[in-house]
Amino acid sequence: MSLSYKSGEGHPLLAALGWSVGRYAGVNLDVHAADEMLQHYQWNIHGGDRGQSLVSYFDSGRRIWQAMSEILHWRFGPIGPHFRLLDFASGYGRVTRFAAHDLPPEQIWVADIDAEGVRFQEATFGVHGLVSQADPDRFTCDVRFDAILVSSLFTHLPAATFGGWLRRLLRLLQPDGLLAFSVHGEDLVPPGRELPPSGVLFDRASESGSLPTEQYGTTWVAEGFVRRAIAAAAPESSAHRIPAVWPTFRISGSSCPSRAAPSPDCAFARGLRVSSNTARSPPTVCGSPAGSRTASAGPPLASCGWRSAAR
């Protein structure tokens, strides 16, 4: 197995930033040589600087998992021994490595269209693996999950498969499960471009060099498009959006001012039952304590969260 980075290598920049101590000191930091996310950071963002690329790669994965972890805590409280989590479109484990550090690996499933990436995560992190398909109707899975995380797929799908994957993933949830996914909101549309009346703009270009661009490009959506897609996929549910900046954001149980911010990242739950745990307000994704909205690497990405209540 060829690795771009191996746990224990002790890169001085990672050491200086404290990756050898604290909560995530025991995280498996092995990175497969074919991991396109690390390649994207290194060659498209940091001009070949390996140290900065490693920091961005690990830190983005850590922040995504921290956000998801707090959403899970809000939604479910303490995670029990029968809880099942799916990290869908997980690549080579940028986020999975942190999930498997906090949760028992036997409670985590990963799925990706790249079979080698799935095998790597099975062997490296001890999780269950599923090989996905380009067509959502061809993806087979007999497991039902309490929560599904999709941190980087709906940001890349054309309209036809956007709705198809929403429907397929929702069918994999337990009745009171939660789906968290990311989108590029309309405020992120490049200068000189605009969303068409449909509310979805798709470009046949992405950071991936291995996937067909007609299947996996770059997508921007209006909030109305997302809400209509959710309503069509799960009409019995409603949605809650939590706007913020990605990747430099935090989630807290306290409130921060509501903002009509653009989108990338959403938590969507189906069949939410009002209880002592779920009746309180959903977690709020905020920027820095001062409310600034800056990203540490690459273009700023916003995030949104979606909560659903049974009707």
Protein backbone atom coordinates (compact mmCIF):
# COMPACT_ATOMS: atom_id res chain seq x y z
CA MET A 1 0.00 0.00 0.00
CA SER A 2 1.45 3.35 -1.05
CA LEU A 3 0.95 6.23 1.39
CA SER A 4 1.27 9.99 0.99
CA TYR A 5 1.61 10.34 4.74
CA LYS A 6 2.10 7.76 7.47
CA SER A 7 1.16 8.01 11.12
CA GLY A 8 4.26 8.60 13.17
CA GLU A 9 6.08 10.44 10.41
CA GLY A 10 5.97 13.52 12.62
CA HIS A 11 5.88 16.29 10.06
CA PRO A 12 7.18 19.37 11.93
CA LEU A 13 4.25 21.60 10.91
CA LEU A 14 1.71 19.07 12.15
CA ALA A 15 3.69 18.69 15.37
CA ALA A 16 3.88 22.46 15.83
CA LEU A 17 0.11 22.70 15.49
CA GLY A 18 -0.42 20.13 18.23
CA TRP A 19 -1.56 17.11 16.27
CA SER A 20 0.49 14.82 18.54
CA VAL A 21 -1.39 15.87 21.69
CA GLY A 22 -4.96 16.51 22.78
CA ARG A 23 -8.24 14.91 21.77
CA TYR A 24 -7.09 13.66 18.39
CA ALA A 25 -3.59 12.51 19.34
CA GLY A 26 -4.54 8.89 18.65
CA VAL A 27 -6.12 9.42 15.24
CA ASN A 28 -4.75 7.22 12.47
CA LEU A 29 -3.16 9.71 10.07
CA ASP A 30 -2.27 7.30 7.26
CA VAL A 31 -3.20 8.90 3.91
CA HIS A 32 -3.39 6.83 0.75
CA ALA A 33 -1.29 8.03 -2.19
CA ALA A 34 -4.41 8.10 -4.40
CA ASP A 35 -6.36 10.41 -2.08
CA GLU A 36 -7.57 13.16 -4.41
CA MET A 37 -8.52 15.50 -1.59
CA LEU A 38 -4.93 15.74 -0.39
CA GLN A 39 -3.80 16.16 -4.00
CA HIS A 40 -6.35 18.94 -4.43
CA TYR A 41 -5.06 20.81 -1.40
CA GLN A 42 -1.45 20.35 -2.45
CA TRP A 43 -1.60 21.24 -6.13
CA ASN A 44 -4.72 23.40 -6.52
CA ILE A 45 -4.57 25.41 -3.31
CA HIS A 46 -1.10 25.35 -1.72
CA GLY A 47 1.16 25.35 -4.78
CA GLY A 48 2.80 22.03 -3.96
CA ASP A 49 3.55 22.80 -0.31
CA ARG A 50 3.19 19.42 1.39
CA GLY A 51 3.11 20.70 4.96
CA GLN A 52 0.34 23.23 4.38
CA SER A 53 -1.60 20.67 2.37
CA LEU A 54 -1.44 18.10 5.17
CA VAL A 55 -2.61 20.68 7.69
CA SER A 56 -5.56 21.71 5.49
CA TYR A 57 -6.48 18.10 4.73
CA PHE A 58 -6.48 16.91 8.33
CA ASP A 59 -7.98 20.08 9.76
CA SER A 60 -10.87 20.11 7.28
CA GLY A 61 -11.67 16.49 8.09
CA ARG A 62 -11.48 17.23 11.81
CA ARG A 63 -13.79 20.24 11.55
CA ILE A 64 -16.35 18.37 9.47
CA TRP A 65 -16.43 15.57 12.03
CA GLN A 66 -16.64 18.00 14.95
CA ALA A 67 -19.67 19.60 13.31
CA MET A 68 -21.30 16.24 12.68
CA SER A 69 -20.48 15.07 16.20
CA GLU A 70 -22.26 18.02 17.74
CA ILE A 71 -25.28 17.54 15.47
CA LEU A 72 -25.41 13.89 16.53
CA HIS A 73 -25.16 14.84 20.19
CA TRP A 74 -28.00 17.34 19.78
CA ARG A 75 -30.16 14.86 17.91
CA PHE A 76 -29.45 11.61 19.76
CA GLY A 77 -27.72 12.46 23.02
CA PRO A 78 -25.12 9.88 24.10
CA ILE A 79 -24.38 7.44 21.27
CA GLY A 80 -25.42 3.92 22.25
CA PRO A 81 -23.90 0.57 21.28
CA HIS A 82 -26.45 -0.09 18.52
CA PHE A 83 -25.99 3.25 16.74
CA ARG A 84 -25.02 2.99 13.07
CA LEU A 85 -23.35 5.77 11.07
CA LEU A 86 -22.74 5.87 7.31
CA ASP A 87 -20.08 8.19 5.88
CA PHE A 88 -21.24 8.32 2.26
CA ALA A 89 -18.93 9.39 -0.58
CA SER A 90 -16.16 9.09 1.98
CA GLY A 91 -13.24 9.01 -0.46
CA TYR A 92 -10.16 7.71 1.35
CA GLY A 93 -11.26 8.66 4.85
CA ARG A 94 -10.57 12.35 5.32
CA VAL A 95 -13.48 12.48 7.79
CA THR A 96 -13.82 8.79 8.61
CA ARG A 97 -10.52 8.67 10.51
CA PHE A 98 -11.91 11.11 13.07
CA ALA A 99 -15.27 9.35 13.32
CA ALA A 100 -13.49 6.05 13.94
CA HIS A 101 -11.46 7.68 16.70
CA ASP A 102 -14.60 8.85 18.55
CA LEU A 103 -16.95 5.94 17.80
CA PRO A 104 -16.34 2.18 17.76
CA PRO A 105 -15.31 1.36 14.16
CA GLU A 106 -17.79 -1.52 14.06
CA GLN A 107 -20.59 1.06 14.29
CA ILE A 108 -19.35 2.93 11.18
CA TRP A 109 -19.94 2.14 7.51
CA VAL A 110 -18.29 3.94 4.61
CA ALA A 111 -19.38 4.01 0.98
CA ASP A 112 -17.62 5.36 -2.08
CA ILE A 113 -17.57 4.76 -5.82
CA ASP A 114 -13.80 4.21 -5.55
CA ALA A 115 -13.43 0.56 -4.48
CA GLU A 116 -9.76 1.06 -3.58
CA GLY A 117 -10.72 3.89 -1.24
CA VAL A 118 -13.29 1.65 0.45
CA ARG A 119 -10.76 -1.17 0.89
CA PHE A 120 -8.23 1.29 2.32
CA GLN A 121 -10.67 2.50 4.95
CA GLU A 122 -11.68 -1.03 5.89
CA ALA A 123 -8.07 -2.04 6.39
CA THR A 124 -6.85 1.20 7.98
CA PHE A 125 -9.73 2.26 10.21
CA GLY A 126 -11.51 -1.05 10.80
CA VAL A 127 -14.88 0.17 9.48
CA HIS A 128 -17.42 -1.60 7.27
CA GLY A 129 -17.18 -0.84 3.56
CA LEU A 130 -19.68 -0.52 0.70
CA VAL A 131 -18.81 0.17 -2.93
CA SER A 132 -21.19 2.73 -4.39
CA GLN A 133 -22.47 3.32 -7.93
CA ALA A 134 -22.95 6.33 -10.18
CA ASP A 135 -26.65 5.45 -10.48
CA PRO A 136 -28.42 5.69 -7.10
CA ASP A 137 -30.88 2.96 -8.10
CA ARG A 138 -27.99 0.51 -8.50
CA PHE A 139 -26.55 1.09 -5.04
CA THR A 140 -27.43 -1.87 -2.82
CA CYS A 141 -27.30 -1.81 0.97
CA ASP A 142 -29.30 -3.89 3.45
CA VAL A 143 -28.27 -1.89 6.55
CA ARG A 144 -30.40 0.91 8.00
CA PHE A 145 -28.62 3.82 9.65
CA ASP A 146 -29.33 6.21 12.47
CA ALA A 147 -27.29 8.91 10.74
CA ILE A 148 -25.74 9.45 7.33
CA LEU A 149 -23.05 12.05 6.62
CA VAL A 150 -22.48 13.26 3.05
CA SER A 151 -19.84 15.97 3.32
CA SER A 152 -18.89 16.24 -0.36
CA LEU A 153 -21.28 14.81 -2.93
CA PHE A 154 -24.31 17.06 -3.41
CA THR A 155 -21.84 19.88 -4.10
CA HIS A 156 -20.95 17.97 -7.28
CA LEU A 157 -24.14 16.35 -8.62
CA PRO A 158 -26.25 17.37 -11.63
CA ALA A 159 -29.95 17.95 -10.98
CA ALA A 160 -31.02 14.49 -12.17
CA THR A 161 -28.95 12.56 -9.65
CA PHE A 162 -29.26 15.17 -6.89
CA GLY A 163 -32.84 14.13 -6.22
CA GLY A 164 -32.11 10.48 -6.90
CA TRP A 165 -29.42 10.30 -4.26
CA LEU A 166 -31.57 12.14 -1.73
CA ARG A 167 -34.30 9.53 -2.19
CA ARG A 168 -31.88 6.59 -2.05
CA LEU A 169 -30.10 7.77 1.09
CA LEU A 170 -33.34 8.64 2.89
CA ARG A 171 -34.51 5.07 2.32
CA LEU A 172 -31.42 3.89 4.21
CA LEU A 173 -32.36 5.80 7.37
CA GLN A 174 -34.09 4.48 10.44
CA PRO A 175 -37.54 6.12 10.87
CA ASP A 176 -36.11 8.77 13.20
CA GLY A 177 -32.74 9.00 11.45
CA LEU A 178 -30.77 12.02 10.30
CA LEU A 179 -29.09 12.83 6.99
CA ALA A 180 -26.42 15.56 6.95
CA PHE A 181 -25.21 16.80 3.57
CA SER A 182 -23.45 19.77 2.01
CA VAL A 183 -24.35 22.08 -0.86
CA HIS A 184 -22.85 25.16 -2.55
CA GLY A 185 -25.32 27.98 -1.97
CA GLU A 186 -26.18 30.70 -4.44
CA ASP A 187 -23.85 33.21 -2.74
CA LEU A 188 -20.97 31.03 -3.93
CA VAL A 189 -21.86 31.22 -7.61
CA PRO A 190 -18.76 32.54 -9.45
CA PRO A 191 -18.76 36.21 -10.52
CA GLY A 192 -20.45 36.73 -13.86
CA ARG A 193 -22.61 33.61 -13.47
CA GLU A 194 -26.10 33.25 -12.08
CA LEU A 195 -28.47 30.47 -11.18
CA PRO A 196 -31.06 29.60 -13.84
CA PRO A 197 -34.78 29.60 -12.94
CA SER A 198 -34.52 25.94 -11.95
CA GLY A 199 -32.32 26.95 -9.01
CA VAL A 200 -29.44 24.64 -9.91
CA LEU A 201 -26.27 25.41 -11.89
CA PHE A 202 -23.95 22.57 -12.89
CA ASP A 203 -20.44 22.82 -14.35
CA ARG A 204 -18.61 19.82 -15.78
CA ALA A 205 -15.46 20.43 -13.75
CA SER A 206 -14.27 19.39 -10.28
CA GLU A 207 -11.16 18.60 -8.25
CA SER A 208 -11.50 14.91 -9.17
CA GLY A 209 -9.37 13.57 -11.97
CA SER A 210 -10.91 10.09 -11.89
CA LEU A 211 -14.67 10.62 -12.16
CA PRO A 212 -16.58 11.54 -15.35
CA THR A 213 -17.39 15.23 -15.26
CA GLU A 214 -20.95 14.69 -16.50
CA GLN A 215 -21.56 12.69 -13.30
CA TYR A 216 -19.36 14.62 -10.87
CA GLY A 217 -18.77 18.29 -11.54
CA THR A 218 -19.45 21.40 -9.47
CA THR A 219 -22.99 22.37 -8.45
CA TRP A 220 -24.54 25.54 -7.02
CA VAL A 221 -28.11 25.54 -5.77
CA ALA A 222 -30.75 27.88 -4.42
CA GLU A 223 -32.27 27.09 -1.04
CA GLY A 224 -35.64 26.66 -2.74
CA PHE A 225 -34.24 23.95 -5.00
CA VAL A 226 -32.92 22.03 -2.00
CA ARG A 227 -36.21 22.34 -0.12
CA ARG A 228 -38.18 21.17 -3.14
CA ALA A 229 -35.85 18.19 -3.58
CA ILE A 230 -36.25 17.24 0.08
CA ALA A 231 -40.02 17.61 -0.11
CA ALA A 232 -40.16 15.40 -3.19
CA ALA A 233 -37.91 12.77 -1.62
CA ALA A 234 -39.56 12.76 1.82
CA PRO A 235 -42.89 14.66 1.80
CA GLU A 236 -43.61 13.68 5.41
CA SER A 237 -40.62 15.65 6.63
CA SER A 238 -39.59 19.25 7.05
CA ALA A 239 -36.11 20.74 6.96
CA HIS A 240 -33.97 23.08 9.00
CA ARG A 241 -31.06 25.06 7.59
CA ILE A 242 -28.08 26.23 9.65
CA PRO A 243 -25.91 28.66 7.65
CA ALA A 244 -22.22 29.14 8.37
CA VAL A 245 -18.73 29.14 6.93
CA TRP A 246 -16.92 25.93 6.00
CA PRO A 247 -14.36 24.85 7.02
CA THR A 248 -13.69 27.45 9.73
CA PHE A 249 -16.83 27.24 11.79
CA ARG A 250 -18.11 25.86 15.04
CA ILE A 251 -21.41 24.44 16.17
CA SER A 252 -22.74 25.25 19.60
CA GLY A 253 -25.95 24.59 21.45
CA SER A 254 -26.36 28.30 22.13
CA SER A 255 -27.87 30.66 19.61
CA CYS A 256 -26.01 33.02 17.35
CA PRO A 257 -27.68 35.63 15.12
CA SER A 258 -29.66 34.17 12.26
CA ARG A 259 -28.12 34.90 8.89
CA ALA A 260 -29.45 34.37 5.39
CA ALA A 261 -26.10 32.92 4.41
CA PRO A 262 -25.33 30.66 1.46
CA SER A 263 -25.05 26.94 1.81
CA PRO A 264 -22.58 24.17 2.18
CA ASP A 265 -23.58 21.86 4.81
CA CYS A 266 -26.84 20.54 5.89
CA ALA A 267 -28.25 18.25 8.53
CA PHE A 268 -31.58 16.74 7.59
CA ALA A 269 -33.59 14.41 9.83
CA ARG A 270 -36.67 12.38 9.00
CA GLY A 271 -39.50 11.53 11.38
CA LEU A 272 -38.11 13.61 14.24
CA ARG A 273 -39.91 12.82 17.48
CA VAL A 274 -40.23 15.63 19.98
CA SER A 275 -38.67 14.49 23.24
CA SER A 276 -36.55 15.90 26.03
CA ASN A 277 -33.59 15.52 23.68
CA THR A 278 -35.02 16.80 20.41
CA ALA A 279 -37.41 19.49 21.60
CA ARG A 280 -34.70 22.03 22.22
CA SER A 281 -33.44 24.25 19.43
CA PRO A 282 -31.14 22.61 16.86
CA PRO A 283 -27.44 23.39 17.06
CA THR A 284 -26.46 26.64 15.40
CA VAL A 285 -23.51 26.75 13.07
CA CYS A 286 -21.64 29.98 13.58
CA GLY A 287 -18.50 31.58 12.26
CA SER A 288 -15.78 32.77 14.59
CA PRO A 289 -16.89 34.25 17.92
CA ALA A 290 -16.63 37.70 16.37
CA GLY A 291 -18.85 36.63 13.48
CA SER A 292 -16.11 36.93 10.85
CA ARG A 293 -16.52 34.63 7.88
CA THR A 294 -13.18 33.55 6.49
CA ALA A 295 -11.85 30.23 5.25
CA SER A 296 -8.40 28.94 6.07
CA ALA A 297 -7.77 27.42 2.65
CA GLY A 298 -9.34 27.75 -0.75
CA PRO A 299 -12.62 29.53 -1.49
CA PRO A 300 -14.92 30.12 1.47
CA LEU A 301 -17.68 27.57 1.76
CA ALA A 302 -20.85 28.23 3.68
CA SER A 303 -22.84 25.59 5.42
CA CYS A 304 -26.42 24.92 6.23
CA GLY A 305 -28.14 22.44 8.47
CA TRP A 306 -31.55 20.89 8.03
CA ARG A 307 -33.77 19.55 10.78
CA SER A 308 -36.92 17.58 10.09
CA ALA A 309 -40.04 17.09 12.20
CA ALA A 310 -42.75 14.53 11.69
CA ARG A 311 -45.95 16.06 10.42
